[in-house]
Amino acid sequence: MTIIEAIEVRHAVRSFTEQKIEGQTEETLCRAIDDVNKESGLHFQLCTDEPEAFQASKPHYGNFENCRNYIAAVAQNGSDEKIGYYGEKLVLIAQTLGLNSCWVVLTYKKGKAAYTCADGEKLRCVIDLGYGKTQGVQHKSKEIGKLCNISGEEPKWFLSGMKAALLAPTAVNQQRFFFTREGNTVSAKALSSIMGNTELDLGIVKYHFELGAGVDNFKWA
């Protein structure tokens, strides 16, 4: 499965089987995390076969079952957009490895867990991982015209980028973002929301847009 294919099939999953993340799958995921941390300066950490964090203080939204593996997103304040961008990169890599996932942010309460924090860092969110009992379901999306400034005939790369952005996971599927294009320059902004987390969502959405549009076809404003 390619990353682009992963965008199409990846949906949030909250119930997992007993199958462990191990062997080549675990090694590949760890290498991807190391690469992302070096590039981003963030501190993502893979925690496997470790249910204590979720048992001590279970998420209070959605039905989570058998949550034993997760990526802890540890970073300094002000890093939410970067966490979203690079965290989604890891989510899609995990999908290509046959793993399912779920972003857990406001609904996660920090309990006992296996991650570590350096000075100035704290846990920002977690990405639940595992072999899902199902592949999840696709949620309804807003119309593309409500999420960008379409005017006339748009270039194929922009429409491809927006198509990928529409498939990006956002808090409660609210899609609180807006894209603007002027020539080959694109800007994306997070819109206000009572649910918060829009900067993290923006990072996720921008990564999707880049994959769909192709980074050689445009530049960020």
N, C-alpha and C. Protein backbone atom coordinates (compact mmCIF):
# COMPACT_ATOMS: atom_id res chain seq x y z
N MET A 1 0.84 -1.19 0.00
CA MET A 1 0.00 0.00 0.00
C MET A 1 0.87 1.25 0.00
N THR A 2 0.56 2.20 -0.87
CA THR A 2 1.29 3.46 -0.90
C THR A 2 0.67 4.43 0.11
N ILE A 3 1.37 5.54 0.37
CA ILE A 3 0.85 6.55 1.28
C ILE A 3 -0.45 7.14 0.73
N ILE A 4 -0.51 7.39 -0.57
CA ILE A 4 -1.74 7.93 -1.17
C ILE A 4 -2.89 6.95 -1.00
N GLU A 5 -2.62 5.67 -1.19
CA GLU A 5 -3.66 4.66 -0.96
C GLU A 5 -4.08 4.62 0.50
N ALA A 6 -3.12 4.85 1.39
CA ALA A 6 -3.42 4.85 2.83
C ALA A 6 -4.39 5.98 3.18
N ILE A 7 -4.26 7.13 2.53
CA ILE A 7 -5.19 8.24 2.75
C ILE A 7 -6.62 7.80 2.46
N GLU A 8 -6.79 7.04 1.40
CA GLU A 8 -8.13 6.64 0.96
C GLU A 8 -8.77 5.64 1.92
N VAL A 9 -7.99 4.75 2.49
CA VAL A 9 -8.57 3.65 3.27
C VAL A 9 -8.48 3.85 4.78
N ARG A 10 -7.70 4.82 5.23
CA ARG A 10 -7.50 4.97 6.66
C ARG A 10 -8.69 5.70 7.32
N HIS A 11 -9.26 5.09 8.35
CA HIS A 11 -10.33 5.69 9.14
C HIS A 11 -10.02 5.44 10.62
N ALA A 12 -10.58 6.25 11.49
CA ALA A 12 -10.34 6.09 12.92
C ALA A 12 -10.87 4.75 13.41
N VAL A 13 -10.06 4.06 14.20
CA VAL A 13 -10.43 2.78 14.79
C VAL A 13 -10.15 2.84 16.29
N ARG A 14 -11.11 2.40 17.09
CA ARG A 14 -10.99 2.48 18.54
C ARG A 14 -11.02 1.12 19.23
N SER A 15 -11.27 0.06 18.47
CA SER A 15 -11.30 -1.29 19.05
C SER A 15 -10.27 -2.16 18.34
N PHE A 16 -9.43 -2.82 19.14
CA PHE A 16 -8.30 -3.55 18.59
C PHE A 16 -8.29 -5.01 19.04
N THR A 17 -7.61 -5.84 18.27
CA THR A 17 -7.45 -7.25 18.61
C THR A 17 -6.30 -7.40 19.61
N GLU A 18 -6.03 -8.64 19.99
CA GLU A 18 -4.94 -8.92 20.92
C GLU A 18 -3.58 -9.00 20.22
N GLN A 19 -3.56 -8.97 18.88
CA GLN A 19 -2.31 -9.12 18.15
C GLN A 19 -1.32 -8.03 18.50
N LYS A 20 -0.10 -8.42 18.78
CA LYS A 20 0.95 -7.48 19.19
C LYS A 20 1.59 -6.81 17.98
N ILE A 21 2.11 -5.62 18.20
CA ILE A 21 2.94 -4.94 17.20
C ILE A 21 4.38 -5.37 17.46
N GLU A 22 4.96 -6.13 16.57
CA GLU A 22 6.29 -6.67 16.82
C GLU A 22 6.99 -6.98 15.50
N GLY A 23 8.21 -7.48 15.60
CA GLY A 23 8.96 -7.90 14.42
C GLY A 23 9.24 -6.76 13.47
N GLN A 24 9.15 -7.04 12.17
CA GLN A 24 9.48 -6.07 11.13
C GLN A 24 8.57 -4.86 11.18
N THR A 25 7.32 -5.07 11.54
CA THR A 25 6.39 -3.95 11.63
C THR A 25 6.83 -2.96 12.70
N GLU A 26 7.18 -3.44 13.86
CA GLU A 26 7.64 -2.56 14.94
C GLU A 26 8.95 -1.87 14.56
N GLU A 27 9.87 -2.60 13.96
CA GLU A 27 11.16 -2.03 13.57
C GLU A 27 10.98 -0.92 12.55
N THR A 28 10.12 -1.14 11.55
CA THR A 28 9.88 -0.13 10.53
C THR A 28 9.25 1.12 11.13
N LEU A 29 8.30 0.93 12.03
CA LEU A 29 7.64 2.06 12.67
C LEU A 29 8.62 2.84 13.54
N CYS A 30 9.49 2.14 14.25
CA CYS A 30 10.49 2.81 15.10
C CYS A 30 11.46 3.63 14.25
N ARG A 31 11.86 3.10 13.11
CA ARG A 31 12.75 3.85 12.22
C ARG A 31 12.05 5.10 11.70
N ALA A 32 10.77 4.97 11.36
CA ALA A 32 10.02 6.13 10.88
C ALA A 32 9.91 7.20 11.97
N ILE A 33 9.70 6.78 13.19
CA ILE A 33 9.61 7.73 14.31
C ILE A 33 10.95 8.42 14.52
N ASP A 34 12.04 7.68 14.45
CA ASP A 34 13.36 8.28 14.59
C ASP A 34 13.61 9.32 13.50
N ASP A 35 13.25 8.99 12.27
CA ASP A 35 13.44 9.91 11.16
C ASP A 35 12.61 11.19 11.36
N VAL A 36 11.36 11.01 11.77
CA VAL A 36 10.48 12.16 11.99
C VAL A 36 11.01 13.04 13.12
N ASN A 37 11.48 12.43 14.19
CA ASN A 37 12.00 13.21 15.31
C ASN A 37 13.24 14.03 14.91
N LYS A 38 14.10 13.43 14.09
CA LYS A 38 15.30 14.14 13.63
C LYS A 38 14.92 15.31 12.74
N GLU A 39 13.93 15.12 11.89
CA GLU A 39 13.51 16.17 10.96
C GLU A 39 12.74 17.28 11.64
N SER A 40 11.91 16.91 12.61
CA SER A 40 10.98 17.88 13.21
C SER A 40 11.46 18.50 14.52
N GLY A 41 12.36 17.81 15.22
CA GLY A 41 12.75 18.28 16.55
C GLY A 41 11.72 17.93 17.61
N LEU A 42 10.73 17.13 17.27
CA LEU A 42 9.72 16.68 18.23
C LEU A 42 10.21 15.41 18.92
N HIS A 43 9.38 14.85 19.78
CA HIS A 43 9.80 13.72 20.61
C HIS A 43 8.71 12.64 20.61
N PHE A 44 8.33 12.16 19.42
CA PHE A 44 7.38 11.06 19.34
C PHE A 44 8.01 9.80 19.92
N GLN A 45 7.20 9.01 20.61
CA GLN A 45 7.69 7.78 21.23
C GLN A 45 6.68 6.66 21.06
N LEU A 46 7.15 5.49 20.64
CA LEU A 46 6.28 4.33 20.48
C LEU A 46 6.22 3.55 21.78
N CYS A 47 5.03 3.31 22.26
CA CYS A 47 4.81 2.52 23.47
C CYS A 47 3.97 1.31 23.07
N THR A 48 4.50 0.11 23.26
CA THR A 48 3.80 -1.09 22.82
C THR A 48 3.48 -2.01 23.99
N ASP A 49 2.40 -2.76 23.83
CA ASP A 49 1.95 -3.73 24.82
C ASP A 49 1.93 -3.11 26.23
N GLU A 50 1.36 -1.92 26.31
CA GLU A 50 1.38 -1.15 27.57
C GLU A 50 0.00 -0.52 27.79
N PRO A 51 -0.90 -1.24 28.46
CA PRO A 51 -2.27 -0.77 28.59
C PRO A 51 -2.52 0.15 29.78
N GLU A 52 -1.53 0.39 30.61
CA GLU A 52 -1.77 1.07 31.88
C GLU A 52 -2.34 2.48 31.72
N ALA A 53 -1.86 3.22 30.74
CA ALA A 53 -2.32 4.61 30.59
C ALA A 53 -3.82 4.66 30.34
N PHE A 54 -4.32 3.74 29.55
CA PHE A 54 -5.74 3.75 29.23
C PHE A 54 -6.57 3.08 30.31
N GLN A 55 -6.00 2.16 31.03
CA GLN A 55 -6.73 1.53 32.12
C GLN A 55 -6.85 2.45 33.32
N ALA A 56 -5.80 3.26 33.55
CA ALA A 56 -5.81 4.14 34.71
C ALA A 56 -6.80 5.28 34.54
N SER A 57 -6.93 5.75 33.34
CA SER A 57 -7.83 6.88 33.10
C SER A 57 -8.31 6.82 31.67
N LYS A 58 -9.39 6.10 31.46
CA LYS A 58 -9.85 5.81 30.11
C LYS A 58 -10.34 7.07 29.40
N PRO A 59 -10.18 7.15 28.10
CA PRO A 59 -10.77 8.24 27.33
C PRO A 59 -12.28 8.27 27.58
N HIS A 60 -12.83 9.46 27.68
CA HIS A 60 -14.24 9.57 28.04
C HIS A 60 -15.13 9.89 26.85
N TYR A 61 -14.57 9.85 25.63
CA TYR A 61 -15.39 10.04 24.45
C TYR A 61 -15.11 8.92 23.47
N GLY A 62 -16.14 8.28 22.99
CA GLY A 62 -15.94 7.17 22.06
C GLY A 62 -15.71 5.88 22.81
N ASN A 63 -15.88 4.76 22.13
CA ASN A 63 -15.73 3.45 22.73
C ASN A 63 -14.36 2.89 22.40
N PHE A 64 -13.45 2.94 23.36
CA PHE A 64 -12.11 2.41 23.16
C PHE A 64 -12.03 1.02 23.78
N GLU A 65 -11.40 0.10 23.07
CA GLU A 65 -11.30 -1.28 23.55
C GLU A 65 -9.92 -1.84 23.22
N ASN A 66 -9.28 -2.41 24.23
CA ASN A 66 -8.00 -3.11 24.05
C ASN A 66 -6.92 -2.18 23.51
N CYS A 67 -6.82 -1.00 24.11
CA CYS A 67 -5.80 -0.01 23.69
C CYS A 67 -4.49 -0.32 24.40
N ARG A 68 -3.57 -0.96 23.72
CA ARG A 68 -2.31 -1.37 24.32
C ARG A 68 -1.08 -0.75 23.66
N ASN A 69 -1.27 -0.11 22.53
CA ASN A 69 -0.14 0.46 21.79
C ASN A 69 -0.48 1.88 21.37
N TYR A 70 0.49 2.76 21.46
CA TYR A 70 0.24 4.13 21.06
C TYR A 70 1.55 4.85 20.79
N ILE A 71 1.44 5.92 20.01
CA ILE A 71 2.55 6.84 19.84
C ILE A 71 2.28 8.05 20.71
N ALA A 72 3.18 8.34 21.62
CA ALA A 72 3.05 9.52 22.48
C ALA A 72 3.69 10.71 21.77
N ALA A 73 2.92 11.77 21.59
CA ALA A 73 3.44 13.00 20.98
C ALA A 73 3.87 13.93 22.10
N VAL A 74 5.17 13.98 22.34
CA VAL A 74 5.75 14.78 23.41
C VAL A 74 6.48 15.97 22.80
N ALA A 75 6.18 17.17 23.29
CA ALA A 75 6.79 18.36 22.68
C ALA A 75 6.60 19.56 23.61
N GLN A 76 7.23 20.65 23.25
CA GLN A 76 7.05 21.90 23.96
C GLN A 76 5.75 22.57 23.52
N ASN A 77 5.28 23.53 24.31
CA ASN A 77 4.10 24.28 23.94
C ASN A 77 4.32 24.98 22.60
N GLY A 78 3.24 25.18 21.87
CA GLY A 78 3.33 25.88 20.58
C GLY A 78 3.71 24.98 19.43
N SER A 79 3.67 23.67 19.65
CA SER A 79 4.10 22.72 18.60
C SER A 79 2.94 21.98 17.96
N ASP A 80 1.71 22.39 18.21
CA ASP A 80 0.57 21.58 17.80
C ASP A 80 0.48 21.37 16.28
N GLU A 81 0.72 22.42 15.50
CA GLU A 81 0.63 22.24 14.05
C GLU A 81 1.70 21.26 13.57
N LYS A 82 2.89 21.38 14.11
CA LYS A 82 3.97 20.47 13.72
C LYS A 82 3.65 19.04 14.16
N ILE A 83 3.05 18.88 15.33
CA ILE A 83 2.67 17.55 15.80
C ILE A 83 1.65 16.93 14.84
N GLY A 84 0.67 17.74 14.43
CA GLY A 84 -0.33 17.23 13.49
C GLY A 84 0.30 16.80 12.19
N TYR A 85 1.19 17.63 11.65
CA TYR A 85 1.82 17.35 10.36
C TYR A 85 2.63 16.05 10.42
N TYR A 86 3.54 15.97 11.39
CA TYR A 86 4.42 14.80 11.45
C TYR A 86 3.73 13.59 12.06
N GLY A 87 2.78 13.82 12.96
CA GLY A 87 2.03 12.71 13.52
C GLY A 87 1.20 12.01 12.46
N GLU A 88 0.59 12.80 11.55
CA GLU A 88 -0.19 12.19 10.48
C GLU A 88 0.71 11.42 9.51
N LYS A 89 1.92 11.89 9.34
CA LYS A 89 2.88 11.14 8.53
C LYS A 89 3.09 9.75 9.12
N LEU A 90 3.20 9.67 10.44
CA LEU A 90 3.37 8.39 11.11
C LEU A 90 2.10 7.56 11.04
N VAL A 91 0.95 8.20 11.17
CA VAL A 91 -0.34 7.50 11.06
C VAL A 91 -0.45 6.79 9.71
N LEU A 92 -0.09 7.47 8.64
CA LEU A 92 -0.22 6.89 7.31
C LEU A 92 0.83 5.82 7.06
N ILE A 93 2.02 6.00 7.60
CA ILE A 93 3.02 4.94 7.50
C ILE A 93 2.52 3.69 8.23
N ALA A 94 1.94 3.89 9.41
CA ALA A 94 1.38 2.76 10.16
C ALA A 94 0.30 2.05 9.35
N GLN A 95 -0.52 2.82 8.65
CA GLN A 95 -1.57 2.23 7.83
C GLN A 95 -0.97 1.35 6.72
N THR A 96 0.12 1.79 6.12
CA THR A 96 0.76 0.99 5.08
C THR A 96 1.33 -0.31 5.64
N LEU A 97 1.55 -0.34 6.96
CA LEU A 97 2.09 -1.53 7.61
C LEU A 97 0.98 -2.46 8.11
N GLY A 98 -0.27 -2.10 7.81
CA GLY A 98 -1.40 -2.94 8.22
C GLY A 98 -1.96 -2.59 9.58
N LEU A 99 -1.54 -1.44 10.14
CA LEU A 99 -2.02 -1.02 11.46
C LEU A 99 -3.15 -0.01 11.33
N ASN A 100 -4.02 0.00 12.31
CA ASN A 100 -5.08 1.00 12.39
C ASN A 100 -4.76 1.96 13.51
N SER A 101 -5.45 3.10 13.54
CA SER A 101 -5.07 4.14 14.48
C SER A 101 -6.23 5.07 14.80
N CYS A 102 -6.01 5.87 15.84
CA CYS A 102 -6.97 6.90 16.21
C CYS A 102 -6.23 8.01 16.95
N TRP A 103 -6.41 9.25 16.49
CA TRP A 103 -5.88 10.40 17.22
C TRP A 103 -6.71 10.57 18.50
N VAL A 104 -6.02 10.75 19.64
CA VAL A 104 -6.71 10.93 20.92
C VAL A 104 -6.14 12.17 21.58
N VAL A 105 -6.96 13.23 21.65
CA VAL A 105 -6.44 14.52 22.13
C VAL A 105 -7.22 14.96 23.37
N LEU A 106 -8.28 15.73 23.18
CA LEU A 106 -9.04 16.23 24.32
C LEU A 106 -9.63 15.11 25.15
N THR A 107 -9.94 14.00 24.53
CA THR A 107 -10.60 12.91 25.23
C THR A 107 -9.63 12.03 26.01
N TYR A 108 -8.34 12.34 25.95
CA TYR A 108 -7.35 11.52 26.65
C TYR A 108 -6.96 12.18 27.95
N LYS A 109 -7.01 11.42 29.02
CA LYS A 109 -6.58 11.91 30.32
C LYS A 109 -5.28 11.22 30.70
N LYS A 110 -4.27 12.00 31.01
CA LYS A 110 -2.95 11.43 31.26
C LYS A 110 -2.93 10.61 32.55
N GLY A 111 -2.60 9.36 32.42
CA GLY A 111 -2.42 8.50 33.57
C GLY A 111 -1.01 7.94 33.56
N LYS A 112 -0.83 6.77 34.13
CA LYS A 112 0.46 6.12 34.10
C LYS A 112 0.76 5.70 32.67
N ALA A 113 1.95 6.00 32.19
CA ALA A 113 2.29 5.65 30.82
C ALA A 113 3.80 5.48 30.69
N ALA A 114 4.23 4.99 29.53
CA ALA A 114 5.63 4.62 29.35
C ALA A 114 6.47 5.70 28.68
N TYR A 115 5.89 6.83 28.32
CA TYR A 115 6.65 7.87 27.64
C TYR A 115 7.48 8.68 28.64
N THR A 116 8.45 9.43 28.13
CA THR A 116 9.28 10.31 28.96
C THR A 116 9.23 11.72 28.40
N CYS A 117 9.42 12.69 29.27
CA CYS A 117 9.43 14.10 28.87
C CYS A 117 10.72 14.76 29.33
N ALA A 118 11.38 15.47 28.43
CA ALA A 118 12.54 16.27 28.80
C ALA A 118 12.07 17.60 29.37
N ASP A 119 13.00 18.39 29.87
CA ASP A 119 12.65 19.70 30.44
C ASP A 119 11.92 20.55 29.40
N GLY A 120 10.81 21.12 29.78
CA GLY A 120 10.05 21.98 28.89
C GLY A 120 9.08 21.25 28.00
N GLU A 121 9.09 19.92 28.06
CA GLU A 121 8.19 19.13 27.23
C GLU A 121 7.01 18.61 28.05
N LYS A 122 5.95 18.28 27.35
CA LYS A 122 4.83 17.58 27.98
C LYS A 122 4.09 16.77 26.92
N LEU A 123 3.28 15.85 27.38
CA LEU A 123 2.49 15.05 26.45
C LEU A 123 1.39 15.92 25.85
N ARG A 124 1.37 16.01 24.52
CA ARG A 124 0.37 16.83 23.83
C ARG A 124 -0.84 16.02 23.42
N CYS A 125 -0.60 14.79 22.99
CA CYS A 125 -1.69 13.89 22.60
C CYS A 125 -1.09 12.51 22.39
N VAL A 126 -1.93 11.53 22.11
CA VAL A 126 -1.44 10.20 21.76
C VAL A 126 -2.14 9.74 20.48
N ILE A 127 -1.50 8.82 19.80
CA ILE A 127 -2.08 8.18 18.61
C ILE A 127 -2.20 6.70 18.93
N ASP A 128 -3.42 6.25 19.14
CA ASP A 128 -3.67 4.86 19.45
C ASP A 128 -3.37 4.00 18.22
N LEU A 129 -2.73 2.85 18.43
CA LEU A 129 -2.34 1.97 17.34
C LEU A 129 -2.70 0.53 17.62
N GLY A 130 -2.87 -0.24 16.57
CA GLY A 130 -3.07 -1.67 16.74
C GLY A 130 -3.70 -2.28 15.50
N TYR A 131 -4.03 -3.54 15.62
CA TYR A 131 -4.72 -4.24 14.54
C TYR A 131 -6.21 -4.16 14.84
N GLY A 132 -6.91 -3.38 14.06
CA GLY A 132 -8.30 -3.09 14.36
C GLY A 132 -9.22 -4.28 14.17
N LYS A 133 -10.27 -4.32 14.98
CA LYS A 133 -11.32 -5.32 14.79
C LYS A 133 -12.10 -5.03 13.52
N THR A 134 -12.11 -3.77 13.11
CA THR A 134 -12.67 -3.37 11.82
C THR A 134 -11.70 -2.37 11.21
N GLN A 135 -12.00 -1.90 10.01
CA GLN A 135 -11.19 -0.88 9.35
C GLN A 135 -11.79 0.51 9.53
N GLY A 136 -12.79 0.64 10.39
CA GLY A 136 -13.41 1.93 10.62
C GLY A 136 -14.37 2.29 9.49
N VAL A 137 -14.98 3.43 9.62
CA VAL A 137 -15.94 3.88 8.59
C VAL A 137 -15.60 5.32 8.18
N GLN A 138 -15.89 5.62 6.93
CA GLN A 138 -15.64 6.96 6.41
C GLN A 138 -16.74 7.91 6.88
N HIS A 139 -16.33 9.10 7.34
CA HIS A 139 -17.29 10.08 7.81
C HIS A 139 -17.67 11.03 6.67
N LYS A 140 -18.83 11.61 6.80
CA LYS A 140 -19.30 12.57 5.81
C LYS A 140 -18.38 13.79 5.80
N SER A 141 -18.11 14.31 4.62
CA SER A 141 -17.22 15.46 4.47
C SER A 141 -18.00 16.67 3.95
N LYS A 142 -17.48 17.85 4.27
CA LYS A 142 -18.06 19.07 3.71
C LYS A 142 -17.76 19.15 2.22
N GLU A 143 -18.50 19.96 1.51
CA GLU A 143 -18.24 20.19 0.09
C GLU A 143 -16.95 20.97 -0.06
N ILE A 144 -16.20 20.66 -1.11
CA ILE A 144 -14.90 21.30 -1.31
C ILE A 144 -15.00 22.81 -1.39
N GLY A 145 -16.09 23.33 -1.95
CA GLY A 145 -16.25 24.77 -2.09
C GLY A 145 -16.40 25.51 -0.78
N LYS A 146 -16.69 24.78 0.30
CA LYS A 146 -16.83 25.40 1.61
C LYS A 146 -15.50 25.44 2.37
N LEU A 147 -14.47 24.82 1.80
CA LEU A 147 -13.19 24.71 2.48
C LEU A 147 -12.04 25.39 1.74
N CYS A 148 -12.36 26.03 0.60
CA CYS A 148 -11.33 26.75 -0.14
C CYS A 148 -11.99 27.77 -1.06
N ASN A 149 -11.16 28.66 -1.63
CA ASN A 149 -11.69 29.74 -2.47
C ASN A 149 -11.69 29.34 -3.94
N ILE A 150 -12.48 28.35 -4.30
CA ILE A 150 -12.57 27.94 -5.70
C ILE A 150 -13.18 29.07 -6.53
N SER A 151 -12.50 29.42 -7.60
CA SER A 151 -13.03 30.47 -8.50
C SER A 151 -12.62 30.12 -9.93
N GLY A 152 -13.57 29.68 -10.71
CA GLY A 152 -13.25 29.29 -12.07
C GLY A 152 -12.62 27.92 -12.11
N GLU A 153 -11.82 27.68 -13.14
CA GLU A 153 -11.19 26.37 -13.32
C GLU A 153 -9.90 26.29 -12.53
N GLU A 154 -9.87 25.41 -11.56
CA GLU A 154 -8.70 25.26 -10.71
C GLU A 154 -7.72 24.26 -11.32
N PRO A 155 -6.40 24.45 -11.07
CA PRO A 155 -5.43 23.48 -11.58
C PRO A 155 -5.63 22.11 -10.95
N LYS A 156 -5.27 21.09 -11.69
CA LYS A 156 -5.49 19.72 -11.24
C LYS A 156 -4.78 19.45 -9.92
N TRP A 157 -3.57 20.00 -9.75
CA TRP A 157 -2.82 19.74 -8.53
C TRP A 157 -3.54 20.29 -7.30
N PHE A 158 -4.19 21.46 -7.45
CA PHE A 158 -4.90 22.05 -6.32
C PHE A 158 -6.11 21.21 -5.94
N LEU A 159 -6.86 20.77 -6.94
CA LEU A 159 -8.03 19.95 -6.66
C LEU A 159 -7.63 18.60 -6.05
N SER A 160 -6.50 18.05 -6.51
CA SER A 160 -6.01 16.80 -5.93
C SER A 160 -5.59 17.01 -4.47
N GLY A 161 -4.97 18.16 -4.21
CA GLY A 161 -4.58 18.48 -2.83
C GLY A 161 -5.79 18.63 -1.93
N MET A 162 -6.83 19.31 -2.43
CA MET A 162 -8.03 19.50 -1.63
C MET A 162 -8.75 18.17 -1.40
N LYS A 163 -8.76 17.31 -2.41
CA LYS A 163 -9.38 16.00 -2.24
C LYS A 163 -8.70 15.23 -1.11
N ALA A 164 -7.37 15.29 -1.06
CA ALA A 164 -6.64 14.62 0.02
C ALA A 164 -6.91 15.30 1.36
N ALA A 165 -7.01 16.64 1.35
CA ALA A 165 -7.29 17.37 2.59
C ALA A 165 -8.65 17.02 3.17
N LEU A 166 -9.63 16.79 2.29
CA LEU A 166 -10.97 16.44 2.74
C LEU A 166 -10.99 15.11 3.49
N LEU A 167 -10.00 14.26 3.22
CA LEU A 167 -9.93 12.95 3.87
C LEU A 167 -9.13 12.98 5.17
N ALA A 168 -8.62 14.14 5.53
CA ALA A 168 -7.81 14.25 6.74
C ALA A 168 -8.68 14.16 7.99
N PRO A 169 -8.22 13.45 9.03
CA PRO A 169 -8.98 13.41 10.28
C PRO A 169 -8.88 14.74 11.01
N THR A 170 -10.01 15.21 11.53
CA THR A 170 -10.04 16.42 12.35
C THR A 170 -10.91 16.17 13.57
N ALA A 171 -10.76 16.99 14.60
CA ALA A 171 -11.49 16.80 15.84
C ALA A 171 -12.99 16.77 15.59
N VAL A 172 -13.64 15.69 16.01
CA VAL A 172 -15.08 15.50 15.86
C VAL A 172 -15.50 15.73 14.41
N ASN A 173 -14.60 15.49 13.48
CA ASN A 173 -14.86 15.62 12.04
C ASN A 173 -15.40 17.00 11.68
N GLN A 174 -14.91 18.03 12.37
CA GLN A 174 -15.48 19.36 12.16
C GLN A 174 -14.87 20.11 10.98
N GLN A 175 -13.69 19.72 10.52
CA GLN A 175 -13.05 20.31 9.34
C GLN A 175 -13.02 21.85 9.42
N ARG A 176 -12.42 22.35 10.48
CA ARG A 176 -12.35 23.79 10.70
C ARG A 176 -11.06 24.34 10.10
N PHE A 177 -11.00 24.37 8.76
CA PHE A 177 -9.84 24.90 8.06
C PHE A 177 -10.31 25.51 6.75
N PHE A 178 -9.43 26.36 6.16
CA PHE A 178 -9.77 26.99 4.88
C PHE A 178 -8.50 27.25 4.09
N PHE A 179 -8.54 26.86 2.79
CA PHE A 179 -7.40 27.03 1.90
C PHE A 179 -7.67 28.17 0.91
N THR A 180 -6.61 28.90 0.59
CA THR A 180 -6.68 29.97 -0.40
C THR A 180 -5.52 29.81 -1.38
N ARG A 181 -5.81 29.93 -2.67
CA ARG A 181 -4.77 29.81 -3.69
C ARG A 181 -4.66 31.09 -4.50
N GLU A 182 -3.43 31.55 -4.69
CA GLU A 182 -3.13 32.65 -5.61
C GLU A 182 -1.97 32.19 -6.48
N GLY A 183 -2.27 31.85 -7.73
CA GLY A 183 -1.23 31.27 -8.58
C GLY A 183 -0.81 29.94 -8.03
N ASN A 184 0.49 29.77 -7.82
CA ASN A 184 0.97 28.52 -7.23
C ASN A 184 1.31 28.67 -5.76
N THR A 185 0.81 29.75 -5.15
CA THR A 185 1.00 29.98 -3.72
C THR A 185 -0.28 29.63 -2.97
N VAL A 186 -0.14 28.82 -1.94
CA VAL A 186 -1.30 28.35 -1.18
C VAL A 186 -1.14 28.72 0.29
N SER A 187 -2.21 29.20 0.88
CA SER A 187 -2.23 29.43 2.32
C SER A 187 -3.33 28.59 2.93
N ALA A 188 -3.12 28.18 4.15
CA ALA A 188 -4.11 27.39 4.87
C ALA A 188 -4.19 27.94 6.29
N LYS A 189 -5.39 28.12 6.78
CA LYS A 189 -5.56 28.64 8.13
C LYS A 189 -6.55 27.80 8.90
N ALA A 190 -6.35 27.78 10.21
CA ALA A 190 -7.29 27.10 11.11
C ALA A 190 -8.37 28.09 11.51
N LEU A 191 -9.60 27.63 11.52
CA LEU A 191 -10.72 28.45 11.94
C LEU A 191 -11.04 28.17 13.40
N SER A 192 -11.62 29.14 14.06
CA SER A 192 -11.93 28.98 15.48
C SER A 192 -12.95 27.86 15.70
N SER A 193 -12.87 27.23 16.86
CA SER A 193 -13.78 26.14 17.18
C SER A 193 -13.89 25.99 18.67
N ILE A 194 -15.09 25.68 19.15
CA ILE A 194 -15.27 25.46 20.58
C ILE A 194 -14.58 24.18 21.03
N MET A 195 -14.23 23.30 20.08
CA MET A 195 -13.57 22.05 20.42
C MET A 195 -12.07 22.20 20.57
N GLY A 196 -11.51 23.33 20.11
CA GLY A 196 -10.07 23.50 20.19
C GLY A 196 -9.35 22.60 19.21
N ASN A 197 -8.02 22.46 19.38
CA ASN A 197 -7.19 21.56 18.59
C ASN A 197 -7.12 21.91 17.11
N THR A 198 -7.53 23.11 16.72
CA THR A 198 -7.54 23.42 15.30
C THR A 198 -6.14 23.54 14.72
N GLU A 199 -5.14 23.94 15.51
CA GLU A 199 -3.78 24.02 14.99
C GLU A 199 -3.23 22.62 14.72
N LEU A 200 -3.53 21.66 15.58
CA LEU A 200 -3.12 20.29 15.33
C LEU A 200 -3.82 19.76 14.08
N ASP A 201 -5.12 20.03 13.98
CA ASP A 201 -5.86 19.63 12.78
C ASP A 201 -5.26 20.25 11.52
N LEU A 202 -4.85 21.50 11.62
CA LEU A 202 -4.28 22.18 10.46
C LEU A 202 -3.01 21.48 9.98
N GLY A 203 -2.18 21.04 10.92
CA GLY A 203 -0.98 20.31 10.53
C GLY A 203 -1.31 19.03 9.80
N ILE A 204 -2.31 18.31 10.28
CA ILE A 204 -2.74 17.07 9.63
C ILE A 204 -3.22 17.37 8.22
N VAL A 205 -4.06 18.38 8.09
CA VAL A 205 -4.65 18.74 6.81
C VAL A 205 -3.59 19.18 5.81
N LYS A 206 -2.60 19.96 6.27
CA LYS A 206 -1.55 20.44 5.37
C LYS A 206 -0.70 19.28 4.86
N TYR A 207 -0.46 18.30 5.70
CA TYR A 207 0.31 17.14 5.23
C TYR A 207 -0.47 16.39 4.15
N HIS A 208 -1.77 16.22 4.37
CA HIS A 208 -2.60 15.58 3.35
C HIS A 208 -2.57 16.37 2.04
N PHE A 209 -2.70 17.70 2.15
CA PHE A 209 -2.71 18.53 0.95
C PHE A 209 -1.41 18.37 0.17
N GLU A 210 -0.29 18.38 0.86
CA GLU A 210 1.01 18.21 0.19
C GLU A 210 1.07 16.89 -0.56
N LEU A 211 0.59 15.82 0.06
CA LEU A 211 0.63 14.52 -0.59
C LEU A 211 -0.22 14.50 -1.86
N GLY A 212 -1.39 15.14 -1.77
CA GLY A 212 -2.29 15.14 -2.93
C GLY A 212 -1.84 16.07 -4.04
N ALA A 213 -1.36 17.25 -3.66
CA ALA A 213 -0.99 18.28 -4.65
C ALA A 213 0.39 18.04 -5.24
N GLY A 214 1.29 17.49 -4.45
CA GLY A 214 2.68 17.35 -4.88
C GLY A 214 3.47 18.59 -4.50
N VAL A 215 4.50 18.46 -3.71
CA VAL A 215 5.21 19.61 -3.17
C VAL A 215 5.93 20.42 -4.24
N ASP A 216 6.15 19.85 -5.41
CA ASP A 216 6.81 20.59 -6.49
C ASP A 216 5.86 21.50 -7.26
N ASN A 217 4.58 21.39 -7.01
CA ASN A 217 3.58 22.15 -7.77
C ASN A 217 3.17 23.46 -7.12
N PHE A 218 3.56 23.68 -5.87
CA PHE A 218 3.11 24.89 -5.18
C PHE A 218 4.08 25.23 -4.05
N LYS A 219 3.87 26.38 -3.44
CA LYS A 219 4.61 26.77 -2.25
C LYS A 219 3.63 27.33 -1.24
N TRP A 220 3.94 27.15 0.03
CA TRP A 220 3.11 27.70 1.09
C TRP A 220 3.37 29.18 1.24
N ALA A 221 2.31 29.93 1.49
CA ALA A 221 2.44 31.37 1.69
C ALA A 221 3.22 31.65 2.95
